Amino acid sequence: MKNCKLCNLSRVCNDLPGVCILIPYAAVAVVAVTIGYLFVTQELLA
């Protein structure tokens, strides 16, 4: 993979071709965990 148009990190994608596939899933997972954590903490504090 010489060019990675999804994440525009050609240097990283050349070293790790799977990075471009994993970045969107990792972003979704981080957002989901953050929202879940905030929801749980708000419910416990309320």
Protein backbone atom coordinates (compact mmCIF):
# COMPACT_ATOMS: atom_id res chain seq x y z
CA MET A 1 0.00 0.00 0.00
CA LYS A 2 1.92 3.01 -1.23
CA ASN A 3 -0.96 5.43 -0.89
CA CYS A 4 -3.48 5.43 1.89
CA LYS A 5 -6.28 7.84 1.09
CA LEU A 6 -8.45 6.92 4.07
CA CYS A 7 -6.22 8.21 6.85
CA ASN A 8 -3.64 10.22 4.84
CA LEU A 9 -0.81 8.72 6.89
CA SER A 10 1.15 7.09 4.10
CA ARG A 11 4.25 6.61 6.24
CA VAL A 12 2.34 4.75 8.95
CA CYS A 13 0.23 2.81 6.45
CA ASN A 14 3.32 1.68 4.57
CA ASP A 15 4.66 0.19 7.80
CA LEU A 16 1.30 -1.13 9.03
CA PRO A 17 -1.21 -1.66 6.20
CA GLY A 18 -3.98 -2.55 8.63
CA VAL A 19 -3.85 0.85 10.33
CA CYS A 20 -6.17 2.49 7.80
CA ILE A 21 -8.73 -0.25 8.35
CA LEU A 22 -8.47 -0.09 12.14
CA ILE A 23 -8.47 3.69 12.64
CA PRO A 24 -12.23 4.19 11.98
CA TYR A 25 -13.15 1.28 14.25
CA ALA A 26 -10.80 2.55 16.96
CA ALA A 27 -12.34 6.03 16.74
CA VAL A 28 -15.86 4.61 17.07
CA ALA A 29 -14.78 2.46 20.01
CA VAL A 30 -13.20 5.42 21.80
CA VAL A 31 -16.32 7.54 21.31
CA ALA A 32 -18.61 4.72 22.47
CA VAL A 33 -16.52 4.04 25.58
CA THR A 34 -16.34 7.76 26.40
CA ILE A 35 -20.10 8.24 26.05
CA GLY A 36 -20.76 5.09 28.06
CA TYR A 37 -18.37 6.19 30.80
CA LEU A 38 -19.94 9.64 31.01
CA PHE A 39 -23.43 8.16 31.08
CA VAL A 40 -22.56 5.71 33.87
CA THR A 41 -20.80 8.33 35.96
CA GLN A 42 -23.68 10.77 35.57
CA GLU A 43 -26.19 8.10 36.56
CA LEU A 44 -24.16 7.12 39.61
CA LEU A 45 -23.65 10.71 40.71
CA ALA A 46 -27.29 11.68 40.19
